Amino acid sequence: MITVDINNNGDFTSIQEAINSLKNTSKGVTIFIKNGVYKERVEILKDNVSLIGESRDGVIITESYYANEILEDGIKRGTFRSYTFMVNANNFHATNITFKNEAGFGKMVGQAVAVYAEGDKITFKNCAMYGHQDTLFTGPLPKAEREVGGFTGPTMDAERRIVHQLYDDCYIEGEVDFIFGSAVCYFNRCTLYALDRNEKINSYYTAPSTYEESKYGYVFNKCILTGNCPKHTVSLSRPWRIYAKAVFIDCEYSDQVIEEGFCDWNKPESHETVNYFEYNGHGPGFTPSKRAAFSKQLNNLEVQAYTKEKVLGPDFN
């Protein structure tokens, strides 16, 4: 095991330096991170790496890159180069770590990604992710960009494949589309916290771009959807691409959730293609009789298709 300690009581004082030191990770490598604020961009490009923090609130990885930042070549950084932490690898695990992008509100800085997660069998357990617009990107990207250069970033030319990710007991905070992407993800007992930006629709918890051929997209199990927004100003989801899938099972909704639950992002064609489902919701924001007509309440039989094992696959570990 490699130890990182910002106070120089370990093998490295920088997380990225510890990662750069890795030679062969085929048998798995664990990096233990002691409490401290690590102001650095961290990138993991090798499979089978695990990061374990001493404590979630004590280990903080933070930076403040943002989409509207003008780079030396005169163009904007863009969404997909704004991340604080990126993993582009398979079989990655993070435990007890806080990830932050502290660039600020999206109105001022645009998108600012805290975690860029691309790869299969990725797990975040007891982690926290803080940002504003586009906090957590669950890659891969959609299959086609809508404007030239829109996907400029580290995986713009990567294979578009179906991958699986688990978020267990995590806290995720943001405003616009703050969980977005094409991965199949299971969110178990997570808290999603929406930030007020003083708009008619303040926030969108999710913006999936699920691939048409994928049976699953985002599944939220026993999650809490809350925040600091006024009543009825937050949408559960809107489709980044028209085959978006987001299923909410046994979730608790604060009253800031809009009565319709979901938005169509001015894409009426998505009404026939999205899978926006709920089951056994509760709390003041659960108003099933007023939900959007293109959403659905699952019955006791239908919900059985959305267990963690079925969503992530039997070989997920």
C-alpha atoms as a PDB file:
ATOM      1  CA  MET A   1       0.000   0.000   0.000  1.00  0.00           C
ATOM      2  CA  ILE A   2       1.186   3.500  -0.894  1.00  0.00           C
ATOM      3  CA  THR A   3       0.511   6.311   1.582  1.00  0.00           C
ATOM      4  CA  VAL A   4      -0.036   9.959   0.662  1.00  0.00           C
ATOM      5  CA  ASP A   5       0.226  12.589   3.388  1.00  0.00           C
ATOM      6  CA  ILE A   6       0.288  16.302   2.646  1.00  0.00           C
ATOM      7  CA  ASN A   7       2.236  16.757   5.906  1.00  0.00           C
ATOM      8  CA  ASN A   8       5.101  14.606   4.580  1.00  0.00           C
ATOM      9  CA  ASN A   9       4.487  11.596   6.823  1.00  0.00           C
ATOM     10  CA  GLY A  10       3.950   9.157   3.971  1.00  0.00           C
ATOM     11  CA  ASP A  11       5.451   8.008   0.689  1.00  0.00           C
ATOM     12  CA  PHE A  12       4.221  11.076  -1.221  1.00  0.00           C
ATOM     13  CA  THR A  13       2.726  14.494  -0.433  1.00  0.00           C
ATOM     14  CA  SER A  14       0.790  14.616  -3.735  1.00  0.00           C
ATOM     15  CA  ILE A  15      -1.893  12.188  -4.868  1.00  0.00           C
ATOM     16  CA  GLN A  16      -0.938  12.626  -8.520  1.00  0.00           C
ATOM     17  CA  GLU A  17       2.707  11.930  -7.765  1.00  0.00           C
ATOM     18  CA  ALA A  18       1.689   8.684  -6.097  1.00  0.00           C
ATOM     19  CA  ILE A  19      -0.395   7.722  -9.144  1.00  0.00           C
ATOM     20  CA  ASN A  20       2.446   8.620 -11.516  1.00  0.00           C
ATOM     21  CA  SER A  21       4.728   6.263  -9.607  1.00  0.00           C
ATOM     22  CA  LEU A  22       2.586   3.223 -10.430  1.00  0.00           C
ATOM     23  CA  LYS A  23       4.220   0.799 -12.854  1.00  0.00           C
ATOM     24  CA  ASN A  24       2.167  -2.403 -13.019  1.00  0.00           C
ATOM     25  CA  THR A  25      -1.387  -2.309 -11.667  1.00  0.00           C
ATOM     26  CA  SER A  26      -2.568  -5.650 -13.101  1.00  0.00           C
ATOM     27  CA  LYS A  27      -2.865  -7.175  -9.617  1.00  0.00           C
ATOM     28  CA  GLY A  28      -4.439  -4.052  -8.119  1.00  0.00           C
ATOM     29  CA  VAL A  29      -2.886  -1.160  -6.233  1.00  0.00           C
ATOM     30  CA  THR A  30      -4.243   0.681  -3.192  1.00  0.00           C
ATOM     31  CA  ILE A  31      -3.302   4.256  -2.300  1.00  0.00           C
ATOM     32  CA  PHE A  32      -4.170   5.395   1.223  1.00  0.00           C
ATOM     33  CA  ILE A  33      -4.655   9.166   1.586  1.00  0.00           C
ATOM     34  CA  LYS A  34      -4.316  10.822   4.964  1.00  0.00           C
ATOM     35  CA  ASN A  35      -6.482  13.778   5.947  1.00  0.00           C
ATOM     36  CA  GLY A  36      -5.647  17.071   4.284  1.00  0.00           C
ATOM     37  CA  VAL A  37      -6.719  19.478   1.544  1.00  0.00           C
ATOM     38  CA  TYR A  38      -5.048  18.414  -1.704  1.00  0.00           C
ATOM     39  CA  LYS A  39      -5.298  21.294  -4.150  1.00  0.00           C
ATOM     40  CA  GLU A  40      -4.420  19.478  -7.323  1.00  0.00           C
ATOM     41  CA  ARG A  41      -5.935  18.018 -10.451  1.00  0.00           C
ATOM     42  CA  VAL A  42      -5.843  14.239 -10.248  1.00  0.00           C
ATOM     43  CA  GLU A  43      -5.959  11.901 -13.264  1.00  0.00           C
ATOM     44  CA  ILE A  44      -6.064   8.097 -13.163  1.00  0.00           C
ATOM     45  CA  LEU A  45      -5.470   6.321 -16.474  1.00  0.00           C
ATOM     46  CA  LYS A  46      -4.541   2.825 -15.248  1.00  0.00           C
ATOM     47  CA  ASP A  47      -6.901  -0.021 -14.384  1.00  0.00           C
ATOM     48  CA  ASN A  48      -7.248  -1.651 -10.948  1.00  0.00           C
ATOM     49  CA  VAL A  49      -6.465   1.359  -8.766  1.00  0.00           C
ATOM     50  CA  SER A  50      -8.131   2.021  -5.402  1.00  0.00           C
ATOM     51  CA  LEU A  51      -8.025   5.258  -3.425  1.00  0.00           C
ATOM     52  CA  ILE A  52      -8.949   5.079   0.257  1.00  0.00           C
ATOM     53  CA  GLY A  53      -9.205   8.252   2.300  1.00  0.00           C
ATOM     54  CA  GLU A  54      -8.660   8.463   6.042  1.00  0.00           C
ATOM     55  CA  SER A  55     -12.077  10.144   6.347  1.00  0.00           C
ATOM     56  CA  ARG A  56     -14.569  11.596   3.886  1.00  0.00           C
ATOM     57  CA  ASP A  57     -14.654  15.062   5.399  1.00  0.00           C
ATOM     58  CA  GLY A  58     -10.921  15.060   6.062  1.00  0.00           C
ATOM     59  CA  VAL A  59      -9.590  14.128   2.611  1.00  0.00           C
ATOM     60  CA  ILE A  60     -10.446  16.863   0.108  1.00  0.00           C
ATOM     61  CA  ILE A  61      -9.285  16.974  -3.518  1.00  0.00           C
ATOM     62  CA  THR A  62     -10.062  20.386  -4.972  1.00  0.00           C
ATOM     63  CA  GLU A  63      -9.440  22.655  -7.953  1.00  0.00           C
ATOM     64  CA  SER A  64     -11.357  25.394  -9.773  1.00  0.00           C
ATOM     65  CA  TYR A  65     -11.133  24.919 -13.546  1.00  0.00           C
ATOM     66  CA  TYR A  66     -14.226  26.023 -15.459  1.00  0.00           C
ATOM     67  CA  ALA A  67     -15.716  25.891 -18.956  1.00  0.00           C
ATOM     68  CA  ASN A  68     -15.688  29.626 -19.744  1.00  0.00           C
ATOM     69  CA  GLU A  69     -12.012  30.007 -18.885  1.00  0.00           C
ATOM     70  CA  ILE A  70     -10.035  31.255 -21.904  1.00  0.00           C
ATOM     71  CA  LEU A  71      -6.906  29.204 -22.528  1.00  0.00           C
ATOM     72  CA  GLU A  72      -3.611  30.274 -24.104  1.00  0.00           C
ATOM     73  CA  ASP A  73      -4.825  29.303 -27.585  1.00  0.00           C
ATOM     74  CA  GLY A  74      -7.739  31.723 -27.242  1.00  0.00           C
ATOM     75  CA  ILE A  75     -10.508  29.145 -26.964  1.00  0.00           C
ATOM     76  CA  LYS A  76     -12.603  28.224 -23.972  1.00  0.00           C
ATOM     77  CA  ARG A  77     -11.623  25.321 -21.754  1.00  0.00           C
ATOM     78  CA  GLY A  78     -15.065  23.762 -22.191  1.00  0.00           C
ATOM     79  CA  THR A  79     -16.966  21.323 -20.008  1.00  0.00           C
ATOM     80  CA  PHE A  80     -14.835  18.257 -20.503  1.00  0.00           C
ATOM     81  CA  ARG A  81     -11.513  19.861 -19.629  1.00  0.00           C
ATOM     82  CA  SER A  82     -12.798  21.499 -16.452  1.00  0.00           C
ATOM     83  CA  TYR A  83     -12.575  18.485 -14.111  1.00  0.00           C
ATOM     84  CA  THR A  84     -10.842  18.364 -10.750  1.00  0.00           C
ATOM     85  CA  PHE A  85     -10.653  14.556 -10.703  1.00  0.00           C
ATOM     86  CA  MET A  86     -10.715  12.205 -13.663  1.00  0.00           C
ATOM     87  CA  VAL A  87     -10.627   8.439 -13.848  1.00  0.00           C
ATOM     88  CA  ASN A  88     -10.465   6.963 -17.340  1.00  0.00           C
ATOM     89  CA  ALA A  89      -9.896   3.332 -16.415  1.00  0.00           C
ATOM     90  CA  ASN A  90     -11.657   0.129 -15.406  1.00  0.00           C
ATOM     91  CA  ASN A  91     -12.038  -1.440 -11.969  1.00  0.00           C
ATOM     92  CA  PHE A  92     -11.438   1.778 -10.054  1.00  0.00           C
ATOM     93  CA  HIS A  93     -12.590   2.248  -6.451  1.00  0.00           C
ATOM     94  CA  ALA A  94     -12.718   5.397  -4.296  1.00  0.00           C
ATOM     95  CA  THR A  95     -13.694   5.369  -0.623  1.00  0.00           C
ATOM     96  CA  ASN A  96     -13.944   8.146   2.000  1.00  0.00           C
ATOM     97  CA  ILE A  97     -12.944  11.102  -0.223  1.00  0.00           C
ATOM     98  CA  THR A  98     -14.399  14.536  -0.991  1.00  0.00           C
ATOM     99  CA  PHE A  99     -14.033  15.909  -4.516  1.00  0.00           C
ATOM    100  CA  LYS A 100     -14.644  19.594  -5.215  1.00  0.00           C
ATOM    101  CA  ASN A 101     -14.731  22.011  -8.085  1.00  0.00           C
ATOM    102  CA  GLU A 102     -14.764  25.426  -6.438  1.00  0.00           C
ATOM    103  CA  ALA A 103     -15.057  27.574  -9.581  1.00  0.00           C
ATOM    104  CA  GLY A 104     -18.503  28.816  -8.529  1.00  0.00           C
ATOM    105  CA  PHE A 105     -21.998  29.198  -9.956  1.00  0.00           C
ATOM    106  CA  GLY A 106     -22.652  28.180 -13.526  1.00  0.00           C
ATOM    107  CA  LYS A 107     -24.126  31.560 -14.384  1.00  0.00           C
ATOM    108  CA  MET A 108     -20.655  33.042 -14.013  1.00  0.00           C
ATOM    109  CA  VAL A 109     -18.255  30.265 -14.972  1.00  0.00           C
ATOM    110  CA  GLY A 110     -20.307  27.779 -16.984  1.00  0.00           C
ATOM    111  CA  GLN A 111     -19.810  24.080 -16.436  1.00  0.00           C
ATOM    112  CA  ALA A 112     -17.241  23.014 -13.858  1.00  0.00           C
ATOM    113  CA  VAL A 113     -16.846  19.270 -13.354  1.00  0.00           C
ATOM    114  CA  ALA A 114     -15.741  17.905  -9.994  1.00  0.00           C
ATOM    115  CA  VAL A 115     -15.572  14.217 -11.007  1.00  0.00           C
ATOM    116  CA  TYR A 116     -15.108  12.875 -14.542  1.00  0.00           C
ATOM    117  CA  ALA A 117     -15.694   9.122 -14.281  1.00  0.00           C
ATOM    118  CA  GLU A 118     -15.280   7.005 -17.378  1.00  0.00           C
ATOM    119  CA  GLY A 119     -14.729   3.271 -17.337  1.00  0.00           C
ATOM    120  CA  ASP A 120     -16.354  -0.017 -16.374  1.00  0.00           C
ATOM    121  CA  LYS A 121     -16.705  -1.341 -12.821  1.00  0.00           C
ATOM    122  CA  ILE A 122     -16.111   2.025 -11.169  1.00  0.00           C
ATOM    123  CA  THR A 123     -17.188   2.431  -7.538  1.00  0.00           C
ATOM    124  CA  PHE A 124     -17.415   5.498  -5.308  1.00  0.00           C
ATOM    125  CA  LYS A 125     -18.291   4.615  -1.704  1.00  0.00           C
ATOM    126  CA  ASN A 126     -18.916   7.147   1.077  1.00  0.00           C
ATOM    127  CA  CYS A 127     -17.622   9.965  -1.124  1.00  0.00           C
ATOM    128  CA  ALA A 128     -18.788  13.566  -1.512  1.00  0.00           C
ATOM    129  CA  MET A 129     -18.835  15.602  -4.725  1.00  0.00           C
ATOM    130  CA  TYR A 130     -19.312  19.362  -4.691  1.00  0.00           C
ATOM    131  CA  GLY A 131     -19.828  21.642  -7.659  1.00  0.00           C
ATOM    132  CA  HIS A 132     -22.417  23.782  -9.368  1.00  0.00           C
ATOM    133  CA  GLN A 133     -23.143  23.089 -13.047  1.00  0.00           C
ATOM    134  CA  ASP A 134     -22.187  19.564 -14.196  1.00  0.00           C
ATOM    135  CA  THR A 135     -20.687  18.259 -10.943  1.00  0.00           C
ATOM    136  CA  LEU A 136     -20.464  14.562 -11.868  1.00  0.00           C
ATOM    137  CA  PHE A 137     -19.900  13.326 -15.421  1.00  0.00           C
ATOM    138  CA  THR A 138     -20.517   9.602 -15.847  1.00  0.00           C
ATOM    139  CA  GLY A 139     -18.809   8.880 -19.160  1.00  0.00           C
ATOM    140  CA  PRO A 140     -18.815   7.900 -21.930  1.00  0.00           C
ATOM    141  CA  LEU A 141     -19.972  10.840 -23.972  1.00  0.00           C
ATOM    142  CA  PRO A 142     -23.022  10.747 -26.205  1.00  0.00           C
ATOM    143  CA  LYS A 143     -22.375   9.156 -29.586  1.00  0.00           C
ATOM    144  CA  ALA A 144     -22.548  12.397 -31.542  1.00  0.00           C
ATOM    145  CA  GLU A 145     -21.856  16.004 -30.647  1.00  0.00           C
ATOM    146  CA  ARG A 146     -24.310  18.721 -31.578  1.00  0.00           C
ATOM    147  CA  GLU A 147     -21.685  21.335 -32.357  1.00  0.00           C
ATOM    148  CA  VAL A 148     -18.107  21.090 -33.566  1.00  0.00           C
ATOM    149  CA  GLY A 149     -15.696  20.961 -30.633  1.00  0.00           C
ATOM    150  CA  GLY A 150     -18.464  20.389 -28.120  1.00  0.00           C
ATOM    151  CA  PHE A 151     -16.799  17.277 -26.752  1.00  0.00           C
ATOM    152  CA  THR A 152     -13.225  18.610 -26.664  1.00  0.00           C
ATOM    153  CA  GLY A 153     -11.548  16.765 -23.826  1.00  0.00           C
ATOM    154  CA  PRO A 154      -9.701  13.612 -22.783  1.00  0.00           C
ATOM    155  CA  THR A 155     -12.180  11.012 -24.049  1.00  0.00           C
ATOM    156  CA  MET A 156     -13.659  12.779 -27.063  1.00  0.00           C
ATOM    157  CA  ASP A 157     -12.304  10.054 -29.384  1.00  0.00           C
ATOM    158  CA  ALA A 158     -12.838   7.130 -27.008  1.00  0.00           C
ATOM    159  CA  GLU A 159     -14.979   4.106 -27.796  1.00  0.00           C
ATOM    160  CA  ARG A 160     -18.647   4.661 -27.048  1.00  0.00           C
ATOM    161  CA  ARG A 161     -19.456   1.604 -24.955  1.00  0.00           C
ATOM    162  CA  ILE A 162     -21.855   0.655 -22.202  1.00  0.00           C
ATOM    163  CA  VAL A 163     -20.108   0.797 -18.823  1.00  0.00           C
ATOM    164  CA  HIS A 164     -21.278   0.275 -15.247  1.00  0.00           C
ATOM    165  CA  GLN A 165     -20.695   2.401 -12.167  1.00  0.00           C
ATOM    166  CA  LEU A 166     -21.789   2.252  -8.511  1.00  0.00           C
ATOM    167  CA  TYR A 167     -22.244   5.219  -6.175  1.00  0.00           C
ATOM    168  CA  ASP A 168     -22.829   3.973  -2.648  1.00  0.00           C
ATOM    169  CA  ASP A 169     -23.670   6.259   0.311  1.00  0.00           C
ATOM    170  CA  CYS A 170     -22.429   9.339  -1.547  1.00  0.00           C
ATOM    171  CA  TYR A 171     -23.310  13.029  -1.273  1.00  0.00           C
ATOM    172  CA  ILE A 172     -23.579  14.908  -4.590  1.00  0.00           C
ATOM    173  CA  GLU A 173     -24.235  18.654  -4.779  1.00  0.00           C
ATOM    174  CA  GLY A 174     -24.824  20.978  -7.712  1.00  0.00           C
ATOM    175  CA  GLU A 175     -27.275  22.993  -9.757  1.00  0.00           C
ATOM    176  CA  VAL A 176     -27.784  22.470 -13.509  1.00  0.00           C
ATOM    177  CA  ASP A 177     -27.581  18.854 -14.781  1.00  0.00           C
ATOM    178  CA  PHE A 178     -25.250  18.019 -11.956  1.00  0.00           C
ATOM    179  CA  ILE A 179     -25.288  14.275 -12.669  1.00  0.00           C
ATOM    180  CA  PHE A 180     -24.979  13.641 -16.399  1.00  0.00           C
ATOM    181  CA  GLY A 181     -23.624  11.195 -18.963  1.00  0.00           C
ATOM    182  CA  SER A 182     -24.142   7.871 -20.715  1.00  0.00           C
ATOM    183  CA  ALA A 183     -22.947   5.292 -18.168  1.00  0.00           C
ATOM    184  CA  VAL A 184     -25.210   2.760 -16.496  1.00  0.00           C
ATOM    185  CA  CYS A 185     -25.131   3.881 -12.859  1.00  0.00           C
ATOM    186  CA  TYR A 186     -26.661   2.609  -9.641  1.00  0.00           C
ATOM    187  CA  PHE A 187     -26.918   5.218  -6.883  1.00  0.00           C
ATOM    188  CA  ASN A 188     -27.555   3.528  -3.546  1.00  0.00           C
ATOM    189  CA  ARG A 189     -28.575   5.551  -0.471  1.00  0.00           C
ATOM    190  CA  CYS A 190     -27.101   8.739  -1.892  1.00  0.00           C
ATOM    191  CA  THR A 191     -28.065  12.326  -1.054  1.00  0.00           C
ATOM    192  CA  LEU A 192     -28.534  14.703  -3.987  1.00  0.00           C
ATOM    193  CA  TYR A 193     -28.450  18.353  -2.948  1.00  0.00           C
ATOM    194  CA  ALA A 194     -29.712  20.971  -5.432  1.00  0.00           C
ATOM    195  CA  LEU A 195     -28.480  24.556  -5.189  1.00  0.00           C
ATOM    196  CA  ASP A 196     -30.698  27.618  -5.586  1.00  0.00           C
ATOM    197  CA  ARG A 197     -29.819  29.844  -8.556  1.00  0.00           C
ATOM    198  CA  ASN A 198     -32.919  32.037  -8.354  1.00  0.00           C
ATOM    199  CA  GLU A 199     -34.590  30.729 -11.502  1.00  0.00           C
ATOM    200  CA  LYS A 200     -38.045  29.387 -12.297  1.00  0.00           C
ATOM    201  CA  ILE A 201     -36.419  25.984 -12.647  1.00  0.00           C
ATOM    202  CA  ASN A 202     -33.451  26.193 -10.310  1.00  0.00           C
ATOM    203  CA  SER A 203     -31.856  22.870 -10.891  1.00  0.00           C
ATOM    204  CA  TYR A 204     -31.920  19.554 -12.705  1.00  0.00           C
ATOM    205  CA  TYR A 205     -30.660  16.662 -10.632  1.00  0.00           C
ATOM    206  CA  THR A 206     -29.831  14.568 -13.680  1.00  0.00           C
ATOM    207  CA  ALA A 207     -29.343  14.778 -17.445  1.00  0.00           C
ATOM    208  CA  PRO A 208     -28.764  11.263 -18.811  1.00  0.00           C
ATOM    209  CA  SER A 209     -27.557  10.562 -22.337  1.00  0.00           C
ATOM    210  CA  THR A 210     -28.289   6.838 -22.176  1.00  0.00           C
ATOM    211  CA  TYR A 211     -27.566   4.908 -25.358  1.00  0.00           C
ATOM    212  CA  GLU A 212     -30.596   3.609 -27.228  1.00  0.00           C
ATOM    213  CA  GLU A 213     -29.438  -0.006 -26.981  1.00  0.00           C
ATOM    214  CA  SER A 214     -28.834   0.136 -23.218  1.00  0.00           C
ATOM    215  CA  LYS A 215     -31.541  -1.447 -21.069  1.00  0.00           C
ATOM    216  CA  TYR A 216     -30.519   0.668 -18.076  1.00  0.00           C
ATOM    217  CA  GLY A 217     -29.379   4.223 -17.434  1.00  0.00           C
ATOM    218  CA  TYR A 218     -29.459   5.835 -13.992  1.00  0.00           C
ATOM    219  CA  VAL A 219     -31.110   4.014 -11.081  1.00  0.00           C
ATOM    220  CA  PHE A 220     -31.520   5.761  -7.726  1.00  0.00           C
ATOM    221  CA  ASN A 221     -32.332   3.458  -4.835  1.00  0.00           C
ATOM    222  CA  LYS A 222     -33.358   4.801  -1.425  1.00  0.00           C
ATOM    223  CA  CYS A 223     -31.857   8.200  -2.223  1.00  0.00           C
ATOM    224  CA  ILE A 224     -32.717  11.592  -0.696  1.00  0.00           C
ATOM    225  CA  LEU A 225     -33.379  14.434  -3.136  1.00  0.00           C
ATOM    226  CA  THR A 226     -33.148  17.741  -1.350  1.00  0.00           C
ATOM    227  CA  GLY A 227     -31.392  21.133  -1.479  1.00  0.00           C
ATOM    228  CA  ASN A 228     -31.852  24.810  -0.649  1.00  0.00           C
ATOM    229  CA  CYS A 229     -34.233  25.732  -3.484  1.00  0.00           C
ATOM    230  CA  PRO A 230     -37.749  27.158  -3.203  1.00  0.00           C
ATOM    231  CA  LYS A 231     -40.768  24.918  -3.504  1.00  0.00           C
ATOM    232  CA  HIS A 232     -41.405  23.300  -6.892  1.00  0.00           C
ATOM    233  CA  THR A 233     -38.303  24.618  -8.669  1.00  0.00           C
ATOM    234  CA  VAL A 234     -36.164  21.498  -9.229  1.00  0.00           C
ATOM    235  CA  SER A 235     -36.569  18.808 -11.888  1.00  0.00           C
ATOM    236  CA  LEU A 236     -35.615  15.197 -11.270  1.00  0.00           C
ATOM    237  CA  SER A 237     -34.262  14.831 -14.791  1.00  0.00           C
ATOM    238  CA  ARG A 238     -34.165  16.139 -18.323  1.00  0.00           C
ATOM    239  CA  PRO A 239     -32.881  14.203 -21.354  1.00  0.00           C
ATOM    240  CA  TRP A 240     -29.447  15.240 -22.613  1.00  0.00           C
ATOM    241  CA  ARG A 241     -30.236  12.719 -25.339  1.00  0.00           C
ATOM    242  CA  ILE A 242     -33.689  11.418 -26.150  1.00  0.00           C
ATOM    243  CA  TYR A 243     -33.196   7.840 -24.908  1.00  0.00           C
ATOM    244  CA  ALA A 244     -32.453   9.050 -21.381  1.00  0.00           C
ATOM    245  CA  LYS A 245     -33.250   6.592 -18.612  1.00  0.00           C
ATOM    246  CA  ALA A 246     -33.621   7.527 -14.929  1.00  0.00           C
ATOM    247  CA  VAL A 247     -35.447   5.385 -12.394  1.00  0.00           C
ATOM    248  CA  PHE A 248     -36.151   6.466  -8.803  1.00  0.00           C
ATOM    249  CA  ILE A 249     -36.959   3.674  -6.345  1.00  0.00           C
ATOM    250  CA  ASP A 250     -37.992   4.205  -2.694  1.00  0.00           C
ATOM    251  CA  CYS A 251     -36.644   7.762  -2.831  1.00  0.00           C
ATOM    252  CA  GLU A 252     -37.468  10.669  -0.544  1.00  0.00           C
ATOM    253  CA  TYR A 253     -38.301  13.989  -2.231  1.00  0.00           C
ATOM    254  CA  SER A 254     -38.286  17.422  -0.635  1.00  0.00           C
ATOM    255  CA  ASP A 255     -40.994  19.885  -1.689  1.00  0.00           C
ATOM    256  CA  GLN A 256     -38.599  21.676  -4.033  1.00  0.00           C
ATOM    257  CA  VAL A 257     -39.204  18.960  -6.676  1.00  0.00           C
ATOM    258  CA  ILE A 258     -41.560  20.187  -9.397  1.00  0.00           C
ATOM    259  CA  GLU A 259     -44.943  18.495  -9.392  1.00  0.00           C
ATOM    260  CA  GLU A 260     -44.380  17.173 -12.923  1.00  0.00           C
ATOM    261  CA  GLY A 261     -41.159  15.590 -11.716  1.00  0.00           C
ATOM    262  CA  PHE A 262     -39.455  15.598 -15.116  1.00  0.00           C
ATOM    263  CA  CYS A 263     -38.724  18.030 -17.966  1.00  0.00           C
ATOM    264  CA  ASP A 264     -38.381  17.197 -21.670  1.00  0.00           C
ATOM    265  CA  TRP A 265     -35.715  19.875 -22.466  1.00  0.00           C
ATOM    266  CA  ASN A 266     -37.932  21.128 -25.328  1.00  0.00           C
ATOM    267  CA  LYS A 267     -37.627  17.732 -27.001  1.00  0.00           C
ATOM    268  CA  PRO A 268     -41.203  16.533 -27.485  1.00  0.00           C
ATOM    269  CA  GLU A 269     -39.885  13.580 -29.488  1.00  0.00           C
ATOM    270  CA  SER A 270     -38.354  12.270 -26.247  1.00  0.00           C
ATOM    271  CA  HIS A 271     -41.821  11.583 -24.857  1.00  0.00           C
ATOM    272  CA  GLU A 272     -41.819   8.336 -26.827  1.00  0.00           C
ATOM    273  CA  THR A 273     -38.233   7.336 -26.046  1.00  0.00           C
ATOM    274  CA  VAL A 274     -37.298   8.227 -22.449  1.00  0.00           C
ATOM    275  CA  ASN A 275     -37.631   5.865 -19.507  1.00  0.00           C
ATOM    276  CA  TYR A 276     -38.509   8.147 -16.612  1.00  0.00           C
ATOM    277  CA  PHE A 277     -39.845   5.820 -13.926  1.00  0.00           C
ATOM    278  CA  GLU A 278     -40.595   5.978 -10.196  1.00  0.00           C
ATOM    279  CA  TYR A 279     -41.583   3.494  -7.545  1.00  0.00           C
ATOM    280  CA  ASN A 280     -42.790   4.002  -3.980  1.00  0.00           C
ATOM    281  CA  GLY A 281     -41.631   7.596  -3.656  1.00  0.00           C
ATOM    282  CA  HIS A 282     -42.340   9.539  -0.493  1.00  0.00           C
ATOM    283  CA  GLY A 283     -42.017  13.009   0.967  1.00  0.00           C
ATOM    284  CA  PRO A 284     -43.736  16.299   0.040  1.00  0.00           C
ATOM    285  CA  GLY A 285     -42.132  16.343  -3.426  1.00  0.00           C
ATOM    286  CA  PHE A 286     -43.712  13.064  -4.468  1.00  0.00           C
ATOM    287  CA  THR A 287     -46.873  13.983  -6.397  1.00  0.00           C
ATOM    288  CA  PRO A 288     -47.581  10.966  -8.630  1.00  0.00           C
ATOM    289  CA  SER A 289     -50.966  12.178  -9.836  1.00  0.00           C
ATOM    290  CA  LYS A 290     -49.341  15.326 -11.282  1.00  0.00           C
ATOM    291  CA  ARG A 291     -46.274  13.729 -12.860  1.00  0.00           C
ATOM    292  CA  ALA A 292     -45.448  14.373 -16.532  1.00  0.00           C
ATOM    293  CA  ALA A 293     -47.436  12.193 -18.909  1.00  0.00           C
ATOM    294  CA  PHE A 294     -44.206  10.797 -20.394  1.00  0.00           C
ATOM    295  CA  SER A 295     -43.143   9.406 -16.999  1.00  0.00           C
ATOM    296  CA  LYS A 296     -44.432   6.254 -15.322  1.00  0.00           C
ATOM    297  CA  GLN A 297     -45.043   4.785 -11.886  1.00  0.00           C
ATOM    298  CA  LEU A 298     -43.742   1.203 -11.761  1.00  0.00           C
ATOM    299  CA  ASN A 299     -45.738  -1.597 -10.174  1.00  0.00           C
ATOM    300  CA  ASN A 300     -44.432  -4.263  -7.782  1.00  0.00           C
ATOM    301  CA  LEU A 301     -43.523  -6.622 -10.607  1.00  0.00           C
ATOM    302  CA  GLU A 302     -41.892  -4.081 -12.899  1.00  0.00           C
ATOM    303  CA  VAL A 303     -39.585  -2.705 -10.206  1.00  0.00           C
ATOM    304  CA  GLN A 304     -37.960  -6.114  -9.778  1.00  0.00           C
ATOM    305  CA  ALA A 305     -36.031  -5.479 -13.006  1.00  0.00           C
ATOM    306  CA  TYR A 306     -34.050  -2.704 -11.270  1.00  0.00           C
ATOM    307  CA  THR A 307     -32.097  -4.476  -8.549  1.00  0.00           C
ATOM    308  CA  LYS A 308     -28.422  -3.593  -8.222  1.00  0.00           C
ATOM    309  CA  GLU A 309     -27.422  -7.039  -9.502  1.00  0.00           C
ATOM    310  CA  LYS A 310     -29.545  -6.724 -12.640  1.00  0.00           C
ATOM    311  CA  VAL A 311     -28.522  -3.136 -13.376  1.00  0.00           C
ATOM    312  CA  LEU A 312     -24.777  -3.575 -12.875  1.00  0.00           C
ATOM    313  CA  GLY A 313     -24.479  -7.221 -13.875  1.00  0.00           C
ATOM    314  CA  PRO A 314     -23.571 -10.319 -11.859  1.00  0.00           C
ATOM    315  CA  ASP A 315     -19.808  -9.880 -12.268  1.00  0.00           C
ATOM    316  CA  PHE A 316     -19.666  -6.330 -10.886  1.00  0.00           C
ATOM    317  CA  ASN A 317     -17.449  -6.163  -7.797  1.00  0.00           C
END
